[in-house]
């Protein structure tokens, strides 16, 4: 199983591989800590990818309004 390749298949964003790997690692750590495991079993593979997607999409949708607000400020008050 190639987590990074599968993760890229699930998202529709241009994001660097290193950043995607961070989200995969965060999702893996979440599962390991929450379930008190030493390694993520294969049966939780799709859950790991879904958590990684959720984390990434949550950040993207959180940042988009901030980005738009900054653009509006720059239009109103150019440097």
PDB file of N, CA and C in Angstrom:
ATOM      1  N   UNK A   1       0.843  -1.189   0.000  1.00  0.00           N
ATOM      2  CA  UNK A   1       0.000   0.000   0.000  1.00  0.00           C
ATOM      3  C   UNK A   1       0.884   1.248   0.000  1.00  0.00           C
ATOM      4  N   UNK A   2       0.546   2.140  -0.854  1.00  0.00           N
ATOM      5  CA  UNK A   2       1.278   3.391  -0.930  1.00  0.00           C
ATOM      6  C   UNK A   2       0.368   4.508  -0.423  1.00  0.00           C
ATOM      7  N   UNK A   3       0.569   4.880   0.836  1.00  0.00           N
ATOM      8  CA  UNK A   3      -0.295   5.873   1.474  1.00  0.00           C
ATOM      9  C   UNK A   3      -0.298   7.196   0.729  1.00  0.00           C
ATOM     10  N   UNK A   4       0.866   7.670   0.353  1.00  0.00           N
ATOM     11  CA  UNK A   4       0.968   8.966  -0.316  1.00  0.00           C
ATOM     12  C   UNK A   4       0.215   8.962  -1.655  1.00  0.00           C
ATOM     13  N   UNK A   5       0.405   7.926  -2.437  1.00  0.00           N
ATOM     14  CA  UNK A   5      -0.282   7.818  -3.736  1.00  0.00           C
ATOM     15  C   UNK A   5      -1.798   7.767  -3.536  1.00  0.00           C
ATOM     16  N   UNK A   6      -2.240   6.966  -2.577  1.00  0.00           N
ATOM     17  CA  UNK A   6      -3.674   6.846  -2.315  1.00  0.00           C
ATOM     18  C   UNK A   6      -4.253   8.162  -1.798  1.00  0.00           C
ATOM     19  N   UNK A   7      -3.495   8.855  -0.970  1.00  0.00           N
ATOM     20  CA  UNK A   7      -3.925  10.149  -0.429  1.00  0.00           C
ATOM     21  C   UNK A   7      -4.107  11.153  -1.568  1.00  0.00           C
ATOM     22  N   UNK A   8      -3.146  11.193  -2.483  1.00  0.00           N
ATOM     23  CA  UNK A   8      -3.219  12.118  -3.623  1.00  0.00           C
ATOM     24  C   UNK A   8      -4.434  11.815  -4.499  1.00  0.00           C
ATOM     25  N   UNK A   9      -4.811  10.541  -4.586  1.00  0.00           N
ATOM     26  CA  UNK A   9      -5.976  10.140  -5.368  1.00  0.00           C
ATOM     27  C   UNK A   9      -7.262  10.697  -4.757  1.00  0.00           C
ATOM     28  N   UNK A  10      -7.298  10.796  -3.441  1.00  0.00           N
ATOM     29  CA  UNK A  10      -8.508  11.242  -2.741  1.00  0.00           C
ATOM     30  C   UNK A  10      -8.711  12.754  -2.749  1.00  0.00           C
ATOM     31  N   UNK A  11      -7.642  13.506  -2.941  1.00  0.00           N
ATOM     32  CA  UNK A  11      -7.769  14.966  -2.865  1.00  0.00           C
ATOM     33  C   UNK A  11      -7.669  15.581  -4.253  1.00  0.00           C
ATOM     34  N   UNK A  12      -8.195  16.774  -4.361  1.00  0.00           N
ATOM     35  CA  UNK A  12      -8.153  17.490  -5.637  1.00  0.00           C
ATOM     36  C   UNK A  12      -7.448  18.829  -5.436  1.00  0.00           C
ATOM     37  N   UNK A  13      -6.274  18.756  -4.853  1.00  0.00           N
ATOM     38  CA  UNK A  13      -5.491  19.949  -4.557  1.00  0.00           C
ATOM     39  C   UNK A  13      -4.039  19.686  -4.941  1.00  0.00           C
ATOM     40  N   UNK A  14      -3.361  20.728  -5.348  1.00  0.00           N
ATOM     41  CA  UNK A  14      -1.931  20.631  -5.629  1.00  0.00           C
ATOM     42  C   UNK A  14      -1.185  20.946  -4.337  1.00  0.00           C
ATOM     43  N   UNK A  15      -0.700  19.917  -3.690  1.00  0.00           N
ATOM     44  CA  UNK A  15       0.009  20.059  -2.421  1.00  0.00           C
ATOM     45  C   UNK A  15       1.283  19.237  -2.520  1.00  0.00           C
ATOM     46  N   UNK A  16       2.362  19.765  -1.965  1.00  0.00           N
ATOM     47  CA  UNK A  16       3.649  19.069  -2.014  1.00  0.00           C
ATOM     48  C   UNK A  16       3.577  17.745  -1.256  1.00  0.00           C
ATOM     49  N   UNK A  17       4.333  16.772  -1.743  1.00  0.00           N
ATOM     50  CA  UNK A  17       4.352  15.447  -1.132  1.00  0.00           C
ATOM     51  C   UNK A  17       4.754  15.501   0.345  1.00  0.00           C
ATOM     52  N   UNK A  18       5.721  16.344   0.671  1.00  0.00           N
ATOM     53  CA  UNK A  18       6.188  16.429   2.056  1.00  0.00           C
ATOM     54  C   UNK A  18       5.066  16.901   2.984  1.00  0.00           C
ATOM     55  N   UNK A  19       4.255  17.829   2.503  1.00  0.00           N
ATOM     56  CA  UNK A  19       3.126  18.332   3.300  1.00  0.00           C
ATOM     57  C   UNK A  19       2.081  17.240   3.458  1.00  0.00           C
ATOM     58  N   UNK A  20       1.785  16.533   2.371  1.00  0.00           N
ATOM     59  CA  UNK A  20       0.822  15.437   2.449  1.00  0.00           C
ATOM     60  C   UNK A  20       1.284  14.364   3.426  1.00  0.00           C
ATOM     61  N   UNK A  21       2.578  14.101   3.412  1.00  0.00           N
ATOM     62  CA  UNK A  21       3.120  13.089   4.325  1.00  0.00           C
ATOM     63  C   UNK A  21       2.942  13.510   5.783  1.00  0.00           C
ATOM     64  N   UNK A  22       3.032  14.802   6.050  1.00  0.00           N
ATOM     65  CA  UNK A  22       2.790  15.291   7.407  1.00  0.00           C
ATOM     66  C   UNK A  22       1.366  14.994   7.855  1.00  0.00           C
ATOM     67  N   UNK A  23       0.403  15.177   6.956  1.00  0.00           N
ATOM     68  CA  UNK A  23      -0.993  14.872   7.290  1.00  0.00           C
ATOM     69  C   UNK A  23      -1.207  13.380   7.492  1.00  0.00           C
ATOM     70  N   UNK A  24      -0.541  12.572   6.693  1.00  0.00           N
ATOM     71  CA  UNK A  24      -0.616  11.123   6.878  1.00  0.00           C
ATOM     72  C   UNK A  24      -0.041  10.752   8.240  1.00  0.00           C
ATOM     73  N   UNK A  25       1.090  11.345   8.593  1.00  0.00           N
ATOM     74  CA  UNK A  25       1.713  11.061   9.892  1.00  0.00           C
ATOM     75  C   UNK A  25       0.813  11.498  11.045  1.00  0.00           C
ATOM     76  N   UNK A  26       0.178  12.658  10.910  1.00  0.00           N
ATOM     77  CA  UNK A  26      -0.745  13.134  11.945  1.00  0.00           C
ATOM     78  C   UNK A  26      -1.918  12.176  12.115  1.00  0.00           C
ATOM     79  N   UNK A  27      -2.465  11.714  10.998  1.00  0.00           N
ATOM     80  CA  UNK A  27      -3.581  10.774  11.052  1.00  0.00           C
ATOM     81  C   UNK A  27      -3.151   9.459  11.694  1.00  0.00           C
ATOM     82  N   UNK A  28      -1.964   9.006  11.341  1.00  0.00           N
ATOM     83  CA  UNK A  28      -1.446   7.763  11.924  1.00  0.00           C
ATOM     84  C   UNK A  28      -1.247   7.919  13.430  1.00  0.00           C
ATOM     85  N   UNK A  29      -0.662   9.033  13.843  1.00  0.00           N
ATOM     86  CA  UNK A  29      -0.466   9.265  15.275  1.00  0.00           C
ATOM     87  C   UNK A  29      -1.795   9.366  16.017  1.00  0.00           C
ATOM     88  N   UNK A  30      -2.796   9.972  15.389  1.00  0.00           N
ATOM     89  CA  UNK A  30      -4.119  10.063  15.997  1.00  0.00           C
ATOM     90  C   UNK A  30      -4.677   8.663  16.271  1.00  0.00           C
ATOM     91  N   UNK A  31      -4.598   7.799  15.263  1.00  0.00           N
ATOM     92  CA  UNK A  31      -5.110   6.431  15.424  1.00  0.00           C
ATOM     93  C   UNK A  31      -4.322   5.681  16.490  1.00  0.00           C
ATOM     94  N   UNK A  32      -3.002   5.773  16.436  1.00  0.00           N
ATOM     95  CA  UNK A  32      -2.165   5.048  17.397  1.00  0.00           C
ATOM     96  C   UNK A  32      -2.461   5.492  18.831  1.00  0.00           C
ATOM     97  N   UNK A  33      -2.575   6.795  19.042  1.00  0.00           N
ATOM     98  CA  UNK A  33      -2.824   7.304  20.387  1.00  0.00           C
ATOM     99  C   UNK A  33      -4.245   7.018  20.853  1.00  0.00           C
ATOM    100  N   UNK A  34      -5.212   7.228  19.972  1.00  0.00           N
ATOM    101  CA  UNK A  34      -6.618   7.054  20.341  1.00  0.00           C
ATOM    102  C   UNK A  34      -6.949   5.591  20.623  1.00  0.00           C
ATOM    103  N   UNK A  35      -6.342   4.686  19.852  1.00  0.00           N
ATOM    104  CA  UNK A  35      -6.638   3.251  19.998  1.00  0.00           C
ATOM    105  C   UNK A  35      -5.603   2.520  20.848  1.00  0.00           C
ATOM    106  N   UNK A  36      -4.609   3.254  21.337  1.00  0.00           N
ATOM    107  CA  UNK A  36      -3.547   2.660  22.161  1.00  0.00           C
ATOM    108  C   UNK A  36      -2.876   1.480  21.432  1.00  0.00           C
ATOM    109  N   UNK A  37      -2.398   1.750  20.215  1.00  0.00           N
ATOM    110  CA  UNK A  37      -1.763   0.729  19.381  1.00  0.00           C
ATOM    111  C   UNK A  37      -0.300   1.081  19.144  1.00  0.00           C
ATOM    112  N   UNK A  38       0.463   0.070  18.747  1.00  0.00           N
ATOM    113  CA  UNK A  38       1.862   0.291  18.380  1.00  0.00           C
ATOM    114  C   UNK A  38       2.034   0.502  16.881  1.00  0.00           C
ATOM    115  N   UNK A  39       1.103  -0.038  16.108  1.00  0.00           N
ATOM    116  CA  UNK A  39       1.111   0.168  14.661  1.00  0.00           C
ATOM    117  C   UNK A  39      -0.328   0.127  14.158  1.00  0.00           C
ATOM    118  N   UNK A  40      -0.550   0.781  13.024  1.00  0.00           N
ATOM    119  CA  UNK A  40      -1.894   0.853  12.462  1.00  0.00           C
ATOM    120  C   UNK A  40      -2.158  -0.434  11.678  1.00  0.00           C
ATOM    121  N   UNK A  41      -3.194  -1.188  12.066  1.00  0.00           N
ATOM    122  CA  UNK A  41      -3.507  -2.417  11.322  1.00  0.00           C
ATOM    123  C   UNK A  41      -4.074  -2.102   9.938  1.00  0.00           C
ATOM    124  N   UNK A  42      -3.930  -3.042   9.030  1.00  0.00           N
ATOM    125  CA  UNK A  42      -4.407  -2.851   7.648  1.00  0.00           C
ATOM    126  C   UNK A  42      -5.888  -2.508   7.595  1.00  0.00           C
ATOM    127  N   UNK A  43      -6.673  -3.039   8.500  1.00  0.00           N
ATOM    128  CA  UNK A  43      -8.123  -2.790   8.453  1.00  0.00           C
ATOM    129  C   UNK A  43      -8.474  -1.337   8.771  1.00  0.00           C
ATOM    130  N   UNK A  44      -7.516  -0.571   9.312  1.00  0.00           N
ATOM    131  CA  UNK A  44      -7.728   0.849   9.576  1.00  0.00           C
ATOM    132  C   UNK A  44      -7.080   1.751   8.522  1.00  0.00           C
ATOM    133  N   UNK A  45      -6.600   1.145   7.435  1.00  0.00           N
ATOM    134  CA  UNK A  45      -5.922   1.912   6.384  1.00  0.00           C
ATOM    135  C   UNK A  45      -6.825   2.995   5.797  1.00  0.00           C
ATOM    136  N   UNK A  46      -8.057   2.637   5.461  1.00  0.00           N
ATOM    137  CA  UNK A  46      -8.959   3.635   4.873  1.00  0.00           C
ATOM    138  C   UNK A  46      -9.312   4.705   5.892  1.00  0.00           C
ATOM    139  N   UNK A  47      -9.428   4.340   7.159  1.00  0.00           N
ATOM    140  CA  UNK A  47      -9.705   5.338   8.205  1.00  0.00           C
ATOM    141  C   UNK A  47      -8.539   6.318   8.305  1.00  0.00           C
ATOM    142  N   UNK A  48      -7.326   5.821   8.209  1.00  0.00           N
ATOM    143  CA  UNK A  48      -6.142   6.688   8.261  1.00  0.00           C
ATOM    144  C   UNK A  48      -6.190   7.702   7.119  1.00  0.00           C
ATOM    145  N   UNK A  49      -6.485   7.239   5.912  1.00  0.00           N
ATOM    146  CA  UNK A  49      -6.555   8.148   4.762  1.00  0.00           C
ATOM    147  C   UNK A  49      -7.699   9.143   4.916  1.00  0.00           C
ATOM    148  N   UNK A  50      -8.834   8.688   5.417  1.00  0.00           N
ATOM    149  CA  UNK A  50      -9.971   9.589   5.614  1.00  0.00           C
ATOM    150  C   UNK A  50      -9.662  10.670   6.644  1.00  0.00           C
ATOM    151  N   UNK A  51      -8.962  10.314   7.705  1.00  0.00           N
ATOM    152  CA  UNK A  51      -8.583  11.302   8.715  1.00  0.00           C
ATOM    153  C   UNK A  51      -7.607  12.306   8.107  1.00  0.00           C
ATOM    154  N   UNK A  52      -6.642  11.820   7.329  1.00  0.00           N
ATOM    155  CA  UNK A  52      -5.674  12.717   6.683  1.00  0.00           C
ATOM    156  C   UNK A  52      -6.385  13.687   5.739  1.00  0.00           C
ATOM    157  N   UNK A  53      -7.332  13.189   4.965  1.00  0.00           N
ATOM    158  CA  UNK A  53      -8.101  14.050   4.056  1.00  0.00           C
ATOM    159  C   UNK A  53      -8.881  15.084   4.858  1.00  0.00           C
ATOM    160  N   UNK A  54      -9.533  14.642   5.920  1.00  0.00           N
ATOM    161  CA  UNK A  54     -10.306  15.566   6.763  1.00  0.00           C
ATOM    162  C   UNK A  54      -9.419  16.683   7.310  1.00  0.00           C
ATOM    163  N   UNK A  55      -8.236  16.320   7.803  1.00  0.00           N
ATOM    164  CA  UNK A  55      -7.314  17.329   8.344  1.00  0.00           C
ATOM    165  C   UNK A  55      -6.903  18.332   7.274  1.00  0.00           C
ATOM    166  N   UNK A  56      -6.565  17.846   6.102  1.00  0.00           N
ATOM    167  CA  UNK A  56      -6.135  18.724   5.011  1.00  0.00           C
ATOM    168  C   UNK A  56      -7.276  19.619   4.540  1.00  0.00           C
ATOM    169  N   UNK A  57      -8.435  19.042   4.289  1.00  0.00           N
ATOM    170  CA  UNK A  57      -9.573  19.814   3.780  1.00  0.00           C
ATOM    171  C   UNK A  57     -10.023  20.844   4.817  1.00  0.00           C
ATOM    172  N   UNK A  58     -10.003  20.476   6.085  1.00  0.00           N
ATOM    173  CA  UNK A  58     -10.369  21.422   7.136  1.00  0.00           C
ATOM    174  C   UNK A  58      -9.459  22.641   7.107  1.00  0.00           C
ATOM    175  N   UNK A  59      -8.179  22.418   6.936  1.00  0.00           N
ATOM    176  CA  UNK A  59      -7.234  23.530   6.886  1.00  0.00           C
ATOM    177  C   UNK A  59      -7.454  24.378   5.642  1.00  0.00           C
ATOM    178  N   UNK A  60      -7.665  23.737   4.503  1.00  0.00           N
ATOM    179  CA  UNK A  60      -7.867  24.471   3.251  1.00  0.00           C
ATOM    180  C   UNK A  60      -9.092  25.366   3.356  1.00  0.00           C
ATOM    181  N   UNK A  61     -10.199  24.818   3.850  1.00  0.00           N
ATOM    182  CA  UNK A  61     -11.425  25.610   3.950  1.00  0.00           C
ATOM    183  C   UNK A  61     -11.338  26.673   5.031  1.00  0.00           C
ATOM    184  N   UNK A  62     -10.482  26.453   6.019  1.00  0.00           N
ATOM    185  CA  UNK A  62     -10.259  27.457   7.056  1.00  0.00           C
ATOM    186  C   UNK A  62      -9.441  28.613   6.486  1.00  0.00           C
ATOM    187  N   UNK A  63      -8.464  28.302   5.660  1.00  0.00           N
ATOM    188  CA  UNK A  63      -7.559  29.331   5.150  1.00  0.00           C
ATOM    189  C   UNK A  63      -8.144  30.122   3.984  1.00  0.00           C
ATOM    190  N   UNK A  64      -9.023  29.536   3.196  1.00  0.00           N
ATOM    191  CA  UNK A  64      -9.575  30.231   2.031  1.00  0.00           C
ATOM    192  C   UNK A  64     -10.236  31.557   2.410  1.00  0.00           C
ATOM    193  N   UNK A  65     -11.128  31.609   3.418  1.00  0.00           N
ATOM    194  CA  UNK A  65     -11.726  32.906   3.790  1.00  0.00           C
ATOM    195  C   UNK A  65     -10.679  33.914   4.265  1.00  0.00           C
ATOM    196  N   UNK A  66      -9.651  33.436   4.955  1.00  0.00           N
ATOM    197  CA  UNK A  66      -8.591  34.343   5.401  1.00  0.00           C
ATOM    198  C   UNK A  66      -7.845  34.921   4.212  1.00  0.00           C
ATOM    199  N   UNK A  67      -7.622  34.085   3.218  1.00  0.00           N
ATOM    200  CA  UNK A  67      -6.939  34.521   2.000  1.00  0.00           C
ATOM    201  C   UNK A  67      -7.763  35.600   1.293  1.00  0.00           C
ATOM    202  N   UNK A  68      -9.052  35.365   1.179  1.00  0.00           N
ATOM    203  CA  UNK A  68      -9.941  36.329   0.524  1.00  0.00           C
ATOM    204  C   UNK A  68      -9.979  37.632   1.312  1.00  0.00           C
ATOM    205  N   UNK A  69     -10.019  37.541   2.642  1.00  0.00           N
ATOM    206  CA  UNK A  69     -10.026  38.746   3.477  1.00  0.00           C
ATOM    207  C   UNK A  69      -8.757  39.560   3.276  1.00  0.00           C
ATOM    208  N   UNK A  70      -7.626  38.883   3.185  1.00  0.00           N
ATOM    209  CA  UNK A  70      -6.356  39.591   2.974  1.00  0.00           C
ATOM    210  C   UNK A  70      -6.337  40.274   1.611  1.00  0.00           C
ATOM    211  N   UNK A  71      -6.862  39.616   0.599  1.00  0.00           N
ATOM    212  CA  UNK A  71      -6.923  40.217  -0.735  1.00  0.00           C
ATOM    213  C   UNK A  71      -7.817  41.457  -0.705  1.00  0.00           C
ATOM    214  N   UNK A  72      -8.960  41.363  -0.041  1.00  0.00           N
ATOM    215  CA  UNK A  72      -9.871  42.514   0.062  1.00  0.00           C
ATOM    216  C   UNK A  72      -9.205  43.679   0.796  1.00  0.00           C
ATOM    217  N   UNK A  73      -8.447  43.374   1.836  1.00  0.00           N
ATOM    218  CA  UNK A  73      -7.738  44.435   2.561  1.00  0.00           C
ATOM    219  C   UNK A  73      -6.694  45.119   1.678  1.00  0.00           C
ATOM    220  N   UNK A  74      -5.991  44.316   0.888  1.00  0.00           N
ATOM    221  CA  UNK A  74      -4.967  44.881   0.013  1.00  0.00           C
ATOM    222  C   UNK A  74      -5.590  45.731  -1.089  1.00  0.00           C
ATOM    223  N   UNK A  75      -6.779  45.358  -1.529  1.00  0.00           N
ATOM    224  CA  UNK A  75      -7.474  46.167  -2.541  1.00  0.00           C
ATOM    225  C   UNK A  75      -7.896  47.505  -1.939  1.00  0.00           C
ATOM    226  N   UNK A  76      -8.434  47.457  -0.717  1.00  0.00           N
ATOM    227  CA  UNK A  76      -8.903  48.679  -0.064  1.00  0.00           C
ATOM    228  C   UNK A  76      -7.747  49.578   0.378  1.00  0.00           C
ATOM    229  N   UNK A  77      -6.685  48.938   0.859  1.00  0.00           N
ATOM    230  CA  UNK A  77      -5.551  49.682   1.405  1.00  0.00           C
ATOM    231  C   UNK A  77      -4.251  49.194   0.765  1.00  0.00           C
ATOM    232  N   UNK A  78      -4.001  49.596  -0.486  1.00  0.00           N
ATOM    233  CA  UNK A  78      -2.775  49.128  -1.160  1.00  0.00           C
ATOM    234  C   UNK A  78      -1.526  49.606  -0.426  1.00  0.00           C
ATOM    235  N   UNK A  79      -0.501  48.814  -0.542  1.00  0.00           N
ATOM    236  CA  UNK A  79       0.766  49.154   0.134  1.00  0.00           C
ATOM    237  C   UNK A  79       1.483  50.286  -0.561  1.00  0.00           C
TER     238      UNK A  79
END
